[in-house]
Protein backbone atom coordinates (compact mmCIF):
# COMPACT_ATOMS: atom_id res chain seq x y z
CA MET A 1 16.51 8.96 3.56
CA PRO A 2 13.23 7.12 2.87
CA VAL A 3 13.22 4.09 0.57
CA ARG A 4 10.39 3.21 -1.80
CA ILE A 5 9.80 -0.44 -2.73
CA SER A 6 7.59 -2.39 -5.11
CA ALA A 7 6.74 -6.00 -4.42
CA VAL A 8 4.60 -8.75 -5.95
CA ASP A 9 2.89 -9.44 -2.62
CA LEU A 10 3.15 -8.64 1.09
CA ARG A 11 5.56 -11.50 1.78
CA ASP A 12 7.90 -10.15 -0.92
CA ALA A 13 7.51 -6.65 0.54
CA ALA A 14 8.40 -7.91 4.03
CA ARG A 15 11.55 -9.61 2.68
CA LYS A 16 12.65 -6.49 0.80
CA SER A 17 11.95 -4.21 3.73
CA SER A 18 13.80 -6.51 6.12
CA ALA A 19 16.82 -6.66 3.82
CA ILE A 20 16.95 -2.86 3.53
CA ARG A 21 16.80 -2.43 7.29
CA ALA A 22 19.41 -5.17 7.88
CA GLN A 23 21.81 -3.57 5.39
CA ALA A 24 21.49 -0.23 7.17
CA HIS A 25 22.15 -1.92 10.51
CA GLU A 26 25.26 -3.66 9.12
CA ARG A 27 26.59 -0.28 7.98
CA GLY A 28 25.92 1.16 11.44
CA GLU A 29 23.21 3.46 10.09
CA ALA A 30 19.69 4.11 11.28
CA ALA A 31 17.10 2.09 9.43
CA PRO A 32 15.42 4.17 6.73
CA GLU A 33 11.70 4.60 6.52
CA VAL A 34 10.34 2.15 3.95
CA PHE A 35 7.32 2.96 1.79
CA LEU A 36 5.48 0.29 -0.20
CA ASP A 37 3.86 0.99 -3.56
CA VAL A 38 0.27 -0.28 -3.57
CA GLU A 39 -1.82 -0.21 -6.74
CA VAL A 40 -5.32 0.75 -5.69
CA HIS A 41 -8.74 0.54 -7.21
CA ILE A 42 -11.57 1.18 -4.79
CA ASP A 43 -15.29 1.55 -5.14
CA ARG A 44 -18.24 1.52 -2.79
CA ASP A 45 -18.38 -2.29 -3.06
CA ALA A 46 -15.76 -4.87 -4.06
CA LYS A 47 -17.68 -6.22 -7.07
CA ALA A 48 -17.93 -2.76 -8.61
CA ALA A 49 -14.21 -2.21 -8.02
CA LEU A 50 -13.37 -5.48 -9.78
CA ARG A 51 -15.62 -4.68 -12.73
CA ALA A 52 -14.15 -1.20 -13.14
CA LEU A 53 -10.54 -2.41 -12.87
CA GLY A 54 -10.47 -4.24 -16.17
CA ASP A 55 -7.38 -6.15 -17.31
CA HIS A 56 -4.52 -4.00 -16.06
CA GLU A 57 -1.20 -5.77 -15.56
CA ARG A 58 0.01 -5.80 -11.98
CA GLU A 59 3.25 -3.96 -11.27
CA SER A 60 3.20 -4.08 -7.47
CA VAL A 61 1.03 -5.13 -4.55
CA ARG A 62 -2.55 -4.51 -5.65
CA TYR A 63 -5.66 -3.79 -3.63
CA VAL A 64 -9.10 -3.94 -5.25
CA GLY A 65 -12.09 -3.43 -2.98
CA THR A 66 -13.64 -0.93 -0.62
CA PRO A 67 -12.12 2.06 1.16
CA ARG A 68 -12.60 0.32 4.51
CA GLY A 69 -10.68 -2.74 3.30
CA LEU A 70 -7.88 -0.52 2.01
CA ALA A 71 -7.65 1.19 5.40
CA GLY A 72 -7.29 -2.29 6.95
CA LEU A 73 -4.51 -3.21 4.53
CA ILE A 74 -2.61 0.00 5.26
CA SER A 75 -2.97 -0.60 9.00
CA ASP A 76 -1.73 -4.20 8.65
CA VAL A 77 1.30 -3.14 6.58
CA GLN A 78 2.33 -0.76 9.36
CA ARG A 79 1.35 -2.96 12.31
CA LEU A 80 3.23 -5.99 10.96
CA GLY A 81 6.33 -3.91 10.21
CA ILE A 82 6.18 -4.64 6.49
CA ALA A 83 6.63 -0.93 5.74
CA ASP A 84 6.38 2.38 7.52
CA GLY A 85 3.81 3.64 5.05
CA VAL A 86 2.33 3.13 1.62
CA ILE A 87 2.25 5.06 -1.62
CA LEU A 88 -1.16 4.64 -3.22
CA LEU A 89 -1.06 4.38 -7.00
CA THR A 90 -4.25 4.65 -9.03
CA ARG A 91 -4.71 3.80 -12.70
CA SER A 92 -7.94 5.65 -13.26
CA GLU A 93 -9.84 8.63 -12.00
CA HIS A 94 -12.98 6.50 -11.52
CA GLN A 95 -14.08 8.25 -8.30
CA VAL A 96 -11.01 6.90 -6.51
CA ALA A 97 -9.81 10.30 -5.28
CA ASP A 98 -13.24 11.20 -3.91
CA LEU A 99 -13.58 7.86 -2.14
CA MET A 100 -10.11 8.20 -0.65
CA LEU A 101 -10.95 11.60 0.80
CA ASP A 102 -14.51 10.83 1.85
CA GLU A 103 -14.23 7.25 3.10
CA LEU A 104 -10.60 6.16 3.39
CA ALA A 105 -8.96 9.10 5.16
CA PRO A 106 -11.40 9.17 8.10
CA GLY A 107 -10.76 5.44 8.67
CA LEU A 108 -7.02 5.86 9.05
CA LYS A 109 -5.47 6.69 12.40
CA ALA A 110 -2.04 8.20 12.84
CA SER A 111 0.31 5.77 14.51
């Protein structure tokens, strides 16, 4: 059964993910898939994304920037074994969905 985690940063996420996998191993179970919550605010350029974000309190790992940078973060999370995937959380409708479909999705490769 997949496990969803929130973390303050990638180091915290790696620790949590590692602990979950180790606990499964100790019980003689297969390691579950781990998914990391990532708060996302993207725009066509990083400055615009920062301006549009405002003063929202952080609840998990946060990415503010461009779709290409977000694709890089997602790739790194998987490549480094921090998590098997991410759950992208948005706080506004400010063109985020369109940018994800138009610019983020084509930049991601199935692993």
